[in-house]
Amino acid sequence: MSGAAAGAADDLAIDIVRHPTARRIRLVVDPASGAVRLVLPRRAALKPALAWAQGKADWIRGQRAALPQAVPFAPGTMLPVADAPLTIAWAPGSRRRVERDGANLSLSGPAETVPRRVEAWLRAQALAVLSADTAVYAARAGVTVSKVAVGDPRGRWGSCAQDGAIRYSWRLILAPGWVRRATAAHEVAHRVHMDHSPAFHAVVARLYAGDPDGQHPDAARAWLRAHGAALHWYGRSSGS
């Protein structure tokens, strides 16, 4: 169960989350969104807990100041797309085009639609590239994948369903290629073992062996833990 309450200052709204397994009161600033959450055990008293959280305004501001910088989809912004830096280049015009032009991602059409169309283009690129990555690892594993899709989840980079459908975060297109490919190998390995057992990790390592960047799947997981939150700040304005 969750709710919201005003913080101690005008910009410090606090989400109230009662978690069935929480054993203590916790105050958390989500690194992917900047949202402030007060996590409570199911039977904890709300009023004193909220007063305690509202007294942490300076701590909250400090945590937010350390968050990744927002990277708006605006003219002049550089995007690392599948290891290739592309700069958003916009020009006025009636034709709503979005196309790769050397080191630029060129657009025309209404300026106010640039962010939406850049994100749509990135999602399409992510689906194409991750579909290709998935096909490579599925062939190595000798398994089938019924469907590949992309979305924008906050808590995971990929998932594999029992029916063989694999879904990824489209934001992996902005990660280093070796991180993206390791994530694809991880999800395809779930077509062999639907768990995280030693046997599963052995399959991941076997599928990923020979990656051109010579990295290890563990390094990809470490990169996402350290830098993954920053991927969620692409497409956001600096004031959001």
Protein backbone atom coordinates (compact mmCIF):
# COMPACT_ATOMS: atom_id res chain seq x y z
CA MET A 1 0.00 0.00 0.00
CA SER A 2 1.34 3.45 -0.82
CA GLY A 3 0.35 7.08 -0.60
CA ALA A 4 1.92 10.53 -0.67
CA ALA A 5 2.52 13.33 1.77
CA ALA A 6 3.93 16.83 1.54
CA GLY A 7 7.51 17.16 2.65
CA ALA A 8 9.07 19.69 4.95
CA ALA A 9 9.63 22.05 2.03
CA ASP A 10 7.71 22.89 -1.08
CA ASP A 11 9.66 20.54 -3.37
CA LEU A 12 10.04 17.54 -1.06
CA ALA A 13 6.99 15.40 -1.61
CA ILE A 14 7.34 12.03 0.11
CA ASP A 15 5.73 8.82 -1.10
CA ILE A 16 4.51 6.60 1.73
CA VAL A 17 5.04 2.89 1.10
CA ARG A 18 3.92 0.23 3.56
CA HIS A 19 5.90 -2.89 2.76
CA PRO A 20 4.75 -6.25 4.14
CA THR A 21 8.30 -7.50 4.79
CA ALA A 22 9.87 -4.23 6.02
CA ARG A 23 11.32 -4.57 9.51
CA ARG A 24 12.30 -0.94 10.05
CA ILE A 25 11.52 2.55 8.77
CA ARG A 26 13.65 3.62 5.81
CA LEU A 27 13.93 6.83 3.78
CA VAL A 28 15.03 6.27 0.19
CA VAL A 29 15.75 8.56 -2.75
CA ASP A 30 15.24 6.60 -5.98
CA PRO A 31 18.35 7.17 -8.14
CA ALA A 32 16.38 6.51 -11.34
CA SER A 33 13.67 9.09 -10.70
CA GLY A 34 14.60 11.25 -7.72
CA ALA A 35 11.36 10.22 -5.96
CA VAL A 36 11.52 10.18 -2.15
CA ARG A 37 9.99 7.13 -0.46
CA LEU A 38 9.30 6.54 3.21
CA VAL A 39 9.15 2.76 3.60
CA LEU A 40 7.24 1.56 6.65
CA PRO A 41 6.52 -1.81 8.23
CA ARG A 42 2.85 -2.67 7.88
CA ARG A 43 1.91 -1.73 11.47
CA ALA A 44 4.27 1.21 12.04
CA ALA A 45 2.72 4.49 13.18
CA LEU A 46 2.64 6.96 10.30
CA LYS A 47 2.65 10.33 12.07
CA PRO A 48 6.01 10.04 13.92
CA ALA A 49 7.63 8.35 10.95
CA LEU A 50 6.54 11.15 8.62
CA ALA A 51 7.74 13.79 11.08
CA TRP A 52 11.13 12.06 11.19
CA ALA A 53 11.31 11.97 7.38
CA GLN A 54 10.34 15.63 7.05
CA GLY A 55 13.20 16.48 9.39
CA LYS A 56 15.61 14.96 6.87
CA ALA A 57 15.08 17.71 4.27
CA ASP A 58 18.80 18.60 4.09
CA TRP A 59 19.74 14.94 3.66
CA ILE A 60 17.14 14.56 0.88
CA ARG A 61 18.47 17.62 -0.95
CA GLY A 62 22.01 16.27 -0.65
CA GLN A 63 20.96 12.91 -2.10
CA ARG A 64 19.16 14.64 -4.96
CA ALA A 65 22.14 16.86 -5.67
CA ALA A 66 24.21 13.70 -6.20
CA LEU A 67 21.76 12.22 -8.72
CA PRO A 68 22.76 11.87 -12.39
CA GLN A 69 22.29 14.94 -14.55
CA ALA A 70 19.20 15.08 -16.75
CA VAL A 71 19.97 14.76 -20.47
CA PRO A 72 17.06 16.27 -22.43
CA PHE A 73 16.33 15.16 -25.97
CA ALA A 74 17.04 18.59 -27.39
CA PRO A 75 19.08 19.99 -30.30
CA GLY A 76 22.79 19.74 -29.53
CA THR A 77 22.48 16.83 -27.11
CA MET A 78 24.88 13.96 -27.76
CA LEU A 79 23.50 10.44 -27.37
CA PRO A 80 25.67 7.28 -27.14
CA VAL A 81 23.65 5.02 -29.43
CA ALA A 82 25.05 1.47 -29.64
CA ASP A 83 28.59 2.76 -29.06
CA ALA A 84 28.25 5.51 -31.69
CA PRO A 85 27.88 9.14 -30.49
CA LEU A 86 25.03 10.90 -32.27
CA THR A 87 24.22 14.59 -31.86
CA ILE A 88 20.60 15.69 -32.14
CA ALA A 89 20.40 18.16 -35.02
CA TRP A 90 17.08 19.92 -35.61
CA ALA A 91 16.06 22.20 -38.46
CA PRO A 92 12.69 23.81 -39.12
CA GLY A 93 10.59 22.25 -41.85
CA SER A 94 7.26 20.64 -42.51
CA ARG A 95 8.52 17.10 -43.09
CA ARG A 96 8.61 15.12 -39.82
CA ARG A 97 11.75 13.17 -40.56
CA VAL A 98 14.11 11.46 -38.13
CA GLU A 99 17.19 9.96 -39.72
CA ARG A 100 20.77 9.12 -38.98
CA ASP A 101 23.12 11.39 -40.94
CA GLY A 102 26.73 10.58 -40.19
CA ALA A 103 27.39 11.66 -36.62
CA ASN A 104 24.03 13.41 -36.37
CA LEU A 105 20.48 12.35 -35.63
CA SER A 106 18.72 14.79 -37.93
CA LEU A 107 15.15 15.95 -37.46
CA SER A 108 12.83 18.49 -38.97
CA GLY A 109 9.24 19.34 -38.12
CA PRO A 110 7.77 21.05 -35.04
CA ALA A 111 10.38 21.73 -32.37
CA GLU A 112 8.02 20.74 -29.56
CA THR A 113 7.79 17.19 -30.92
CA VAL A 114 11.56 16.60 -30.97
CA PRO A 115 11.76 14.80 -27.58
CA ARG A 116 8.89 12.45 -28.38
CA ARG A 117 10.24 11.59 -31.83
CA VAL A 118 13.81 11.08 -30.61
CA GLU A 119 12.56 8.63 -27.98
CA ALA A 120 10.44 6.80 -30.55
CA TRP A 121 13.49 6.49 -32.82
CA LEU A 122 15.65 5.20 -29.95
CA ARG A 123 13.01 2.64 -29.02
CA ALA A 124 12.92 1.38 -32.62
CA GLN A 125 16.73 1.16 -32.70
CA ALA A 126 16.75 -0.69 -29.39
CA LEU A 127 14.22 -3.22 -30.61
CA ALA A 128 16.18 -3.88 -33.80
CA VAL A 129 19.58 -4.16 -32.13
CA LEU A 130 18.38 -6.22 -29.17
CA SER A 131 16.44 -8.52 -31.47
CA ALA A 132 19.67 -9.16 -33.38
CA ASP A 133 21.64 -9.70 -30.16
CA THR A 134 18.99 -12.11 -28.90
CA ALA A 135 19.02 -14.09 -32.13
CA VAL A 136 22.80 -14.56 -31.88
CA TYR A 137 22.65 -15.93 -28.33
CA ALA A 138 19.53 -18.02 -28.97
CA ALA A 139 21.35 -19.71 -31.84
CA ARG A 140 24.38 -20.40 -29.61
CA ALA A 141 22.14 -21.83 -26.90
CA GLY A 142 20.03 -23.87 -29.31
CA VAL A 143 16.80 -22.37 -27.96
CA THR A 144 13.87 -20.45 -29.39
CA VAL A 145 12.61 -17.04 -28.34
CA SER A 146 8.95 -16.45 -29.11
CA LYS A 147 9.07 -12.65 -29.04
CA VAL A 148 11.39 -9.74 -28.35
CA ALA A 149 9.95 -6.46 -27.07
CA VAL A 150 11.16 -3.28 -25.39
CA GLY A 151 9.65 -1.17 -22.63
CA ASP A 152 10.79 1.28 -19.97
CA PRO A 153 10.80 -0.54 -16.61
CA ARG A 154 12.42 1.09 -13.61
CA GLY A 155 13.57 -1.98 -11.75
CA ARG A 156 15.03 -4.37 -14.33
CA TRP A 157 16.92 -4.35 -17.61
CA GLY A 158 15.42 -7.49 -19.06
CA SER A 159 12.99 -10.30 -18.33
CA CYS A 160 12.23 -13.69 -19.81
CA ALA A 161 8.76 -15.24 -19.56
CA GLN A 162 7.92 -18.93 -19.40
CA ASP A 163 6.49 -18.75 -22.94
CA GLY A 164 9.86 -17.67 -24.35
CA ALA A 165 9.13 -13.95 -24.71
CA ILE A 166 11.99 -11.65 -23.75
CA ARG A 167 11.50 -7.99 -22.89
CA TYR A 168 14.24 -5.39 -22.47
CA SER A 169 14.58 -1.81 -21.36
CA TRP A 170 14.95 0.30 -24.49
CA ARG A 171 17.52 2.35 -22.57
CA LEU A 172 20.10 -0.40 -23.09
CA ILE A 173 20.69 1.14 -26.54
CA LEU A 174 22.40 3.97 -24.63
CA ALA A 175 24.66 1.62 -22.64
CA PRO A 176 28.01 0.31 -23.88
CA GLY A 177 27.53 -2.47 -26.40
CA TRP A 178 29.21 -5.10 -24.22
CA VAL A 179 26.77 -4.30 -21.39
CA ARG A 180 23.78 -4.57 -23.73
CA ARG A 181 25.02 -7.86 -25.20
CA ALA A 182 25.69 -9.34 -21.75
CA THR A 183 22.12 -8.49 -20.78
CA ALA A 184 20.83 -10.26 -23.88
CA ALA A 185 22.97 -13.32 -23.09
CA HIS A 186 21.59 -13.29 -19.54
CA GLU A 187 17.97 -13.29 -20.70
CA VAL A 188 18.52 -15.94 -23.37
CA ALA A 189 20.18 -18.16 -20.74
CA HIS A 190 16.85 -18.15 -18.91
CA ARG A 191 15.51 -20.19 -21.82
CA VAL A 192 17.78 -22.94 -20.46
CA HIS A 193 17.47 -22.31 -16.71
CA MET A 194 14.64 -20.20 -15.27
CA ASP A 195 16.65 -19.39 -12.15
CA HIS A 196 19.97 -17.84 -11.12
CA SER A 197 21.73 -21.05 -10.16
CA PRO A 198 25.42 -21.74 -10.82
CA ALA A 199 24.32 -23.74 -13.87
CA PHE A 200 22.49 -20.68 -15.19
CA HIS A 201 25.53 -18.42 -14.76
CA ALA A 202 27.68 -21.02 -16.50
CA VAL A 203 25.33 -20.84 -19.51
CA VAL A 204 25.56 -17.02 -19.51
CA ALA A 205 29.36 -17.19 -19.49
CA ARG A 206 29.38 -19.74 -22.31
CA LEU A 207 27.01 -17.71 -24.47
CA TYR A 208 28.87 -14.47 -23.86
CA ALA A 209 32.37 -15.91 -24.36
CA GLY A 210 34.09 -14.37 -27.33
CA ASP A 211 32.41 -10.97 -27.06
CA PRO A 212 34.51 -8.52 -29.10
CA ASP A 213 35.11 -6.27 -26.08
CA GLY A 214 36.47 -9.15 -24.03
CA GLN A 215 34.43 -8.34 -20.94
CA HIS A 216 32.82 -10.73 -18.44
CA PRO A 217 29.09 -10.83 -17.64
CA ASP A 218 29.89 -9.88 -14.04
CA ALA A 219 31.46 -6.65 -15.29
CA ALA A 220 28.25 -5.81 -17.16
CA ARG A 221 26.17 -6.29 -14.02
CA ALA A 222 28.61 -4.11 -12.09
CA TRP A 223 28.40 -1.41 -14.77
CA LEU A 224 24.61 -1.35 -14.56
CA ARG A 225 24.70 -1.14 -10.77
CA ALA A 226 27.11 1.80 -10.94
CA HIS A 227 25.80 3.66 -14.00
CA GLY A 228 22.39 2.24 -14.87
CA ALA A 229 20.46 4.95 -13.01
CA ALA A 230 21.95 7.58 -15.33
CA LEU A 231 20.29 5.89 -18.32
CA HIS A 232 16.89 6.77 -16.81
CA TRP A 233 17.76 10.47 -16.90
CA TYR A 234 18.02 10.58 -20.68
CA GLY A 235 15.03 12.36 -22.14
CA ARG A 236 14.32 14.34 -18.97
CA SER A 237 14.55 18.09 -18.63
CA SER A 238 16.91 19.51 -16.04
CA GLY A 239 13.96 20.75 -14.02
CA SER A 240 12.14 17.40 -13.80
